Amino acid sequence: MNSSSIRTPLAIAESLTELWSPQVIAEVDDMYVKVAKVRGEMDWHAHEHEDEMFFILRGEFTLEFDDGRMVLRPGELFVVPRGRRHHPMAKEECLLMLFERKETAHTGDARTAQTKSIAQQLRWLAAQAE
């Protein structure tokens, strides 16, 4: 057994310095496990072919939809169904974990200044391999 494969999502998310820049911390079959540090707003977007799962590690996270909004708190999880437009927000710093298919584009159908490529999201994992 290799203990170097043990990950602590909260500690990794705390160590991130860039907001809205999810980092892959593990791979499970055709999925990435990511953590992110967020504050402020992300642009409205949808993922046409993939669901997106948010799990709140610390803080409060709001998902706004065309028909309302929901607030998630630590320990809570929500899956945004594929195709549903959403607007992620956090008034204060929030740490979260995401589960997404490997082909899921960071900002779905929107390409903005906030969009991060898969290569940018793989930086943390690549640094662990060095």
N, C-alpha and C. Protein backbone atom coordinates (compact mmCIF):
# COMPACT_ATOMS: atom_id res chain seq x y z
N MET A 1 0.85 -1.18 0.00
CA MET A 1 0.00 0.00 0.00
C MET A 1 0.89 1.24 0.00
N ASN A 2 0.50 2.24 -0.77
CA ASN A 2 1.29 3.46 -0.93
C ASN A 2 0.55 4.62 -0.27
N SER A 3 1.08 5.11 0.86
CA SER A 3 0.41 6.20 1.58
C SER A 3 0.54 7.53 0.85
N SER A 4 1.40 7.62 -0.17
CA SER A 4 1.54 8.88 -0.91
C SER A 4 0.29 9.18 -1.74
N SER A 5 -0.60 8.21 -1.90
CA SER A 5 -1.83 8.45 -2.66
C SER A 5 -2.95 8.99 -1.77
N ILE A 6 -2.70 9.14 -0.47
CA ILE A 6 -3.70 9.69 0.43
C ILE A 6 -3.79 11.20 0.19
N ARG A 7 -5.00 11.71 0.07
CA ARG A 7 -5.23 13.13 -0.17
C ARG A 7 -6.12 13.69 0.94
N THR A 8 -5.90 14.95 1.30
CA THR A 8 -6.74 15.65 2.26
C THR A 8 -7.35 16.84 1.53
N PRO A 9 -8.56 16.69 0.96
CA PRO A 9 -9.15 17.73 0.13
C PRO A 9 -9.21 19.10 0.79
N LEU A 10 -9.61 19.17 2.06
CA LEU A 10 -9.71 20.46 2.73
C LEU A 10 -8.35 21.16 2.79
N ALA A 11 -7.31 20.44 3.18
CA ALA A 11 -5.97 21.04 3.28
C ALA A 11 -5.46 21.49 1.91
N ILE A 12 -5.73 20.71 0.89
CA ILE A 12 -5.30 21.09 -0.46
C ILE A 12 -6.05 22.35 -0.90
N ALA A 13 -7.35 22.38 -0.68
CA ALA A 13 -8.14 23.56 -1.06
C ALA A 13 -7.67 24.80 -0.30
N GLU A 14 -7.34 24.63 0.98
CA GLU A 14 -6.84 25.76 1.78
C GLU A 14 -5.54 26.31 1.21
N SER A 15 -4.73 25.45 0.62
CA SER A 15 -3.42 25.86 0.11
C SER A 15 -3.49 26.59 -1.23
N LEU A 16 -4.62 26.53 -1.90
CA LEU A 16 -4.73 27.17 -3.22
C LEU A 16 -4.67 28.68 -3.08
N THR A 17 -4.03 29.32 -4.06
CA THR A 17 -3.90 30.78 -4.02
C THR A 17 -4.75 31.47 -5.08
N GLU A 18 -5.18 30.73 -6.09
CA GLU A 18 -5.95 31.32 -7.18
C GLU A 18 -7.43 30.96 -7.02
N LEU A 19 -8.28 31.98 -7.06
CA LEU A 19 -9.73 31.76 -6.94
C LEU A 19 -10.30 31.23 -8.25
N TRP A 20 -11.36 30.42 -8.15
CA TRP A 20 -12.09 29.88 -9.29
C TRP A 20 -11.18 29.11 -10.25
N SER A 21 -10.16 28.47 -9.70
CA SER A 21 -9.23 27.68 -10.51
C SER A 21 -9.16 26.27 -9.92
N PRO A 22 -10.15 25.42 -10.24
CA PRO A 22 -10.18 24.07 -9.68
C PRO A 22 -8.90 23.30 -10.00
N GLN A 23 -8.47 22.50 -9.02
CA GLN A 23 -7.28 21.69 -9.21
C GLN A 23 -7.64 20.21 -9.03
N VAL A 24 -7.22 19.41 -9.98
CA VAL A 24 -7.46 17.97 -9.93
C VAL A 24 -6.57 17.38 -8.84
N ILE A 25 -7.18 16.64 -7.91
CA ILE A 25 -6.40 16.01 -6.84
C ILE A 25 -6.42 14.48 -6.94
N ALA A 26 -7.29 13.95 -7.80
CA ALA A 26 -7.37 12.50 -7.98
C ALA A 26 -8.17 12.19 -9.24
N GLU A 27 -7.98 10.97 -9.71
CA GLU A 27 -8.74 10.45 -10.85
C GLU A 27 -9.45 9.18 -10.41
N VAL A 28 -10.71 9.05 -10.79
CA VAL A 28 -11.50 7.85 -10.53
C VAL A 28 -12.15 7.47 -11.84
N ASP A 29 -11.68 6.39 -12.46
CA ASP A 29 -12.17 5.96 -13.76
C ASP A 29 -12.16 7.14 -14.74
N ASP A 30 -13.33 7.53 -15.27
CA ASP A 30 -13.36 8.63 -16.24
C ASP A 30 -13.74 9.96 -15.58
N MET A 31 -13.49 10.05 -14.26
CA MET A 31 -13.85 11.25 -13.50
C MET A 31 -12.60 11.89 -12.88
N TYR A 32 -12.67 13.21 -12.70
CA TYR A 32 -11.69 13.94 -11.92
C TYR A 32 -12.32 14.35 -10.60
N VAL A 33 -11.54 14.28 -9.55
CA VAL A 33 -11.90 14.85 -8.26
C VAL A 33 -11.11 16.15 -8.17
N LYS A 34 -11.82 17.27 -7.97
CA LYS A 34 -11.18 18.58 -7.96
C LYS A 34 -11.52 19.31 -6.67
N VAL A 35 -10.63 20.22 -6.28
CA VAL A 35 -10.94 21.15 -5.19
C VAL A 35 -10.74 22.56 -5.71
N ALA A 36 -11.43 23.50 -5.08
CA ALA A 36 -11.31 24.90 -5.50
C ALA A 36 -11.53 25.81 -4.32
N LYS A 37 -10.92 26.99 -4.42
CA LYS A 37 -11.15 28.08 -3.48
C LYS A 37 -11.90 29.14 -4.28
N VAL A 38 -13.06 29.57 -3.79
CA VAL A 38 -13.87 30.52 -4.55
C VAL A 38 -14.31 31.67 -3.66
N ARG A 39 -14.53 32.81 -4.28
CA ARG A 39 -15.11 33.99 -3.65
C ARG A 39 -15.55 34.90 -4.78
N GLY A 40 -16.69 35.54 -4.61
CA GLY A 40 -17.22 36.37 -5.68
C GLY A 40 -18.14 35.56 -6.56
N GLU A 41 -18.11 35.87 -7.86
CA GLU A 41 -19.04 35.21 -8.79
C GLU A 41 -18.30 34.58 -9.96
N MET A 42 -18.85 33.49 -10.45
CA MET A 42 -18.42 32.90 -11.70
C MET A 42 -19.50 33.22 -12.72
N ASP A 43 -19.13 33.27 -13.96
CA ASP A 43 -20.08 33.57 -15.02
C ASP A 43 -21.16 32.48 -15.15
N TRP A 44 -22.34 32.90 -15.62
CA TRP A 44 -23.41 31.95 -15.93
C TRP A 44 -22.90 30.96 -16.98
N HIS A 45 -23.26 29.69 -16.81
CA HIS A 45 -22.89 28.69 -17.81
C HIS A 45 -23.70 27.41 -17.59
N ALA A 46 -23.57 26.50 -18.55
CA ALA A 46 -24.20 25.18 -18.46
C ALA A 46 -23.24 24.16 -19.04
N HIS A 47 -23.38 22.93 -18.60
CA HIS A 47 -22.60 21.81 -19.15
C HIS A 47 -23.60 20.93 -19.89
N GLU A 48 -23.60 21.04 -21.20
CA GLU A 48 -24.63 20.39 -22.02
C GLU A 48 -24.69 18.87 -21.83
N HIS A 49 -23.52 18.22 -21.67
CA HIS A 49 -23.49 16.76 -21.66
C HIS A 49 -23.08 16.14 -20.32
N GLU A 50 -22.76 16.97 -19.33
CA GLU A 50 -22.27 16.42 -18.07
C GLU A 50 -22.99 17.03 -16.87
N ASP A 51 -23.22 16.20 -15.85
CA ASP A 51 -23.67 16.69 -14.56
C ASP A 51 -22.43 17.27 -13.85
N GLU A 52 -22.66 18.10 -12.84
CA GLU A 52 -21.56 18.68 -12.07
C GLU A 52 -21.92 18.60 -10.59
N MET A 53 -21.05 17.94 -9.80
CA MET A 53 -21.32 17.75 -8.39
C MET A 53 -20.47 18.69 -7.54
N PHE A 54 -21.11 19.43 -6.65
CA PHE A 54 -20.44 20.32 -5.71
C PHE A 54 -20.59 19.75 -4.30
N PHE A 55 -19.49 19.65 -3.57
CA PHE A 55 -19.51 19.25 -2.17
C PHE A 55 -18.79 20.35 -1.40
N ILE A 56 -19.45 20.93 -0.42
CA ILE A 56 -18.90 22.08 0.29
C ILE A 56 -18.03 21.61 1.45
N LEU A 57 -16.76 22.02 1.41
CA LEU A 57 -15.80 21.68 2.46
C LEU A 57 -15.83 22.72 3.58
N ARG A 58 -15.87 24.00 3.20
CA ARG A 58 -15.91 25.08 4.19
C ARG A 58 -16.54 26.31 3.54
N GLY A 59 -17.33 27.03 4.31
CA GLY A 59 -17.94 28.25 3.80
C GLY A 59 -19.36 28.02 3.31
N GLU A 60 -19.86 29.02 2.61
CA GLU A 60 -21.22 28.99 2.09
C GLU A 60 -21.16 29.27 0.59
N PHE A 61 -21.89 28.49 -0.18
CA PHE A 61 -21.83 28.52 -1.63
C PHE A 61 -23.25 28.65 -2.17
N THR A 62 -23.44 29.59 -3.08
CA THR A 62 -24.77 29.81 -3.67
C THR A 62 -24.75 29.42 -5.14
N LEU A 63 -25.76 28.69 -5.54
CA LEU A 63 -25.99 28.37 -6.95
C LEU A 63 -27.28 29.05 -7.36
N GLU A 64 -27.16 29.97 -8.29
CA GLU A 64 -28.33 30.66 -8.82
C GLU A 64 -28.73 29.96 -10.12
N PHE A 65 -30.04 29.79 -10.31
CA PHE A 65 -30.59 29.18 -11.52
C PHE A 65 -31.60 30.15 -12.12
N ASP A 66 -32.03 29.89 -13.33
CA ASP A 66 -33.02 30.75 -13.97
C ASP A 66 -34.31 30.84 -13.16
N ASP A 67 -34.59 29.80 -12.36
CA ASP A 67 -35.85 29.76 -11.61
C ASP A 67 -35.66 29.84 -10.10
N GLY A 68 -34.51 30.31 -9.64
CA GLY A 68 -34.30 30.43 -8.20
C GLY A 68 -32.84 30.22 -7.82
N ARG A 69 -32.62 30.03 -6.53
CA ARG A 69 -31.26 29.82 -6.05
C ARG A 69 -31.28 28.90 -4.84
N MET A 70 -30.11 28.34 -4.54
CA MET A 70 -29.96 27.52 -3.34
C MET A 70 -28.63 27.84 -2.70
N VAL A 71 -28.59 27.70 -1.39
CA VAL A 71 -27.37 27.95 -0.63
C VAL A 71 -26.92 26.62 -0.05
N LEU A 72 -25.65 26.30 -0.26
CA LEU A 72 -25.06 25.07 0.26
C LEU A 72 -24.07 25.42 1.36
N ARG A 73 -24.04 24.59 2.40
CA ARG A 73 -23.16 24.79 3.55
C ARG A 73 -22.25 23.58 3.73
N PRO A 74 -21.23 23.68 4.60
CA PRO A 74 -20.28 22.58 4.77
C PRO A 74 -20.95 21.23 4.99
N GLY A 75 -20.44 20.24 4.25
CA GLY A 75 -20.98 18.88 4.34
C GLY A 75 -22.13 18.62 3.40
N GLU A 76 -22.62 19.67 2.73
CA GLU A 76 -23.75 19.49 1.81
C GLU A 76 -23.24 19.30 0.38
N LEU A 77 -24.03 18.57 -0.36
CA LEU A 77 -23.68 18.20 -1.72
C LEU A 77 -24.87 18.45 -2.62
N PHE A 78 -24.59 18.91 -3.85
CA PHE A 78 -25.66 19.10 -4.83
C PHE A 78 -25.12 18.78 -6.21
N VAL A 79 -25.93 18.12 -7.01
CA VAL A 79 -25.57 17.82 -8.40
C VAL A 79 -26.39 18.72 -9.32
N VAL A 80 -25.69 19.53 -10.11
CA VAL A 80 -26.35 20.35 -11.13
C VAL A 80 -26.55 19.44 -12.34
N PRO A 81 -27.79 19.19 -12.74
CA PRO A 81 -28.02 18.30 -13.87
C PRO A 81 -27.49 18.88 -15.18
N ARG A 82 -27.03 18.01 -16.05
CA ARG A 82 -26.53 18.44 -17.35
C ARG A 82 -27.54 19.35 -18.04
N GLY A 83 -27.00 20.38 -18.68
CA GLY A 83 -27.84 21.30 -19.42
C GLY A 83 -28.47 22.42 -18.61
N ARG A 84 -28.38 22.37 -17.28
CA ARG A 84 -29.02 23.40 -16.45
C ARG A 84 -28.07 24.58 -16.24
N ARG A 85 -28.52 25.76 -16.70
CA ARG A 85 -27.71 26.98 -16.52
C ARG A 85 -27.60 27.30 -15.03
N HIS A 86 -26.38 27.66 -14.62
CA HIS A 86 -26.17 28.01 -13.22
C HIS A 86 -25.13 29.11 -13.10
N HIS A 87 -25.21 29.79 -11.99
CA HIS A 87 -24.37 30.95 -11.69
C HIS A 87 -23.82 30.76 -10.28
N PRO A 88 -22.60 30.20 -10.16
CA PRO A 88 -22.01 29.96 -8.84
C PRO A 88 -21.53 31.27 -8.19
N MET A 89 -21.73 31.37 -6.86
CA MET A 89 -21.34 32.57 -6.12
C MET A 89 -20.95 32.20 -4.69
N ALA A 90 -20.07 33.02 -4.12
CA ALA A 90 -19.72 32.90 -2.70
C ALA A 90 -19.38 34.29 -2.19
N LYS A 91 -20.14 34.78 -1.23
CA LYS A 91 -19.88 36.12 -0.69
C LYS A 91 -18.54 36.16 0.04
N GLU A 92 -18.23 35.11 0.76
CA GLU A 92 -16.96 34.98 1.48
C GLU A 92 -16.22 33.78 0.90
N GLU A 93 -14.96 33.65 1.28
CA GLU A 93 -14.18 32.52 0.77
C GLU A 93 -14.88 31.20 1.08
N CYS A 94 -14.91 30.33 0.09
CA CYS A 94 -15.55 29.02 0.21
C CYS A 94 -14.62 27.99 -0.42
N LEU A 95 -14.53 26.83 0.23
CA LEU A 95 -13.72 25.73 -0.29
C LEU A 95 -14.67 24.61 -0.69
N LEU A 96 -14.46 24.08 -1.89
CA LEU A 96 -15.37 23.05 -2.36
C LEU A 96 -14.64 21.95 -3.10
N MET A 97 -15.32 20.83 -3.22
CA MET A 97 -14.82 19.69 -3.97
C MET A 97 -15.83 19.40 -5.07
N LEU A 98 -15.31 19.06 -6.24
CA LEU A 98 -16.16 18.77 -7.39
C LEU A 98 -15.82 17.39 -7.95
N PHE A 99 -16.81 16.72 -8.48
CA PHE A 99 -16.62 15.49 -9.22
C PHE A 99 -17.15 15.73 -10.62
N GLU A 100 -16.30 15.57 -11.61
CA GLU A 100 -16.69 15.85 -12.99
C GLU A 100 -16.05 14.84 -13.93
N ARG A 101 -16.72 14.57 -15.02
CA ARG A 101 -16.11 13.77 -16.07
C ARG A 101 -14.85 14.48 -16.57
N LYS A 102 -13.90 13.72 -17.04
CA LYS A 102 -12.64 14.30 -17.50
C LYS A 102 -12.83 15.28 -18.64
N GLU A 103 -13.84 15.10 -19.45
CA GLU A 103 -14.04 15.99 -20.60
C GLU A 103 -14.87 17.23 -20.27
N THR A 104 -15.30 17.39 -19.02
CA THR A 104 -16.13 18.53 -18.64
C THR A 104 -15.33 19.83 -18.74
N ALA A 105 -15.81 20.75 -19.54
CA ALA A 105 -15.17 22.06 -19.67
C ALA A 105 -15.46 22.88 -18.42
N HIS A 106 -14.46 23.58 -17.93
CA HIS A 106 -14.56 24.34 -16.69
C HIS A 106 -15.79 25.24 -16.65
N THR A 107 -15.99 26.04 -17.66
CA THR A 107 -17.15 26.94 -17.69
C THR A 107 -18.16 26.50 -18.74
N GLY A 108 -18.21 25.22 -19.01
CA GLY A 108 -19.22 24.66 -19.90
C GLY A 108 -19.28 25.33 -21.24
N ASP A 109 -20.46 25.86 -21.58
CA ASP A 109 -20.70 26.46 -22.88
C ASP A 109 -20.19 27.90 -22.97
N ALA A 110 -19.67 28.44 -21.89
CA ALA A 110 -19.17 29.83 -21.87
C ALA A 110 -17.64 29.83 -21.87
N ARG A 111 -17.05 30.70 -22.66
CA ARG A 111 -15.60 30.90 -22.65
C ARG A 111 -15.36 32.33 -22.18
N THR A 112 -14.81 32.47 -20.97
CA THR A 112 -14.62 33.79 -20.39
C THR A 112 -13.20 33.90 -19.83
N ALA A 113 -12.89 35.03 -19.26
CA ALA A 113 -11.58 35.23 -18.62
C ALA A 113 -11.40 34.27 -17.44
N GLN A 114 -12.49 33.75 -16.89
CA GLN A 114 -12.41 32.81 -15.77
C GLN A 114 -12.14 31.37 -16.21
N THR A 115 -12.33 31.06 -17.46
CA THR A 115 -12.21 29.69 -17.95
C THR A 115 -10.78 29.17 -17.76
N LYS A 116 -10.68 27.98 -17.18
CA LYS A 116 -9.40 27.30 -16.99
C LYS A 116 -9.37 26.04 -17.84
N SER A 117 -8.26 25.82 -18.51
CA SER A 117 -8.10 24.62 -19.34
C SER A 117 -7.87 23.41 -18.44
N ILE A 118 -8.01 22.23 -19.00
CA ILE A 118 -7.71 21.01 -18.25
C ILE A 118 -6.24 21.03 -17.82
N ALA A 119 -5.33 21.49 -18.68
CA ALA A 119 -3.91 21.56 -18.32
C ALA A 119 -3.71 22.44 -17.08
N GLN A 120 -4.42 23.56 -17.01
CA GLN A 120 -4.31 24.43 -15.83
C GLN A 120 -4.86 23.74 -14.59
N GLN A 121 -5.90 22.94 -14.76
CA GLN A 121 -6.51 22.25 -13.64
C GLN A 121 -5.68 21.06 -13.16
N LEU A 122 -4.77 20.59 -13.99
CA LEU A 122 -3.92 19.44 -13.64
C LEU A 122 -2.60 19.85 -12.98
N ARG A 123 -2.37 21.14 -12.76
CA ARG A 123 -1.09 21.61 -12.21
C ARG A 123 -0.77 21.00 -10.85
N TRP A 124 -1.73 20.96 -9.93
CA TRP A 124 -1.45 20.43 -8.61
C TRP A 124 -1.07 18.96 -8.69
N LEU A 125 -1.81 18.19 -9.46
CA LEU A 125 -1.54 16.75 -9.57
C LEU A 125 -0.17 16.51 -10.20
N ALA A 126 0.15 17.30 -11.24
CA ALA A 126 1.45 17.17 -11.90
C ALA A 126 2.58 17.48 -10.93
N ALA A 127 2.40 18.47 -10.08
CA ALA A 127 3.44 18.84 -9.11
C ALA A 127 3.69 17.71 -8.11
N GLN A 128 2.67 16.92 -7.80
CA GLN A 128 2.84 15.81 -6.87
C GLN A 128 3.66 14.68 -7.47
N ALA A 129 3.64 14.58 -8.79
CA ALA A 129 4.36 13.51 -9.49
C ALA A 129 5.85 13.81 -9.62
N GLU A 130 6.23 15.07 -9.41
CA GLU A 130 7.64 15.46 -9.57
C GLU A 130 8.50 14.99 -8.43
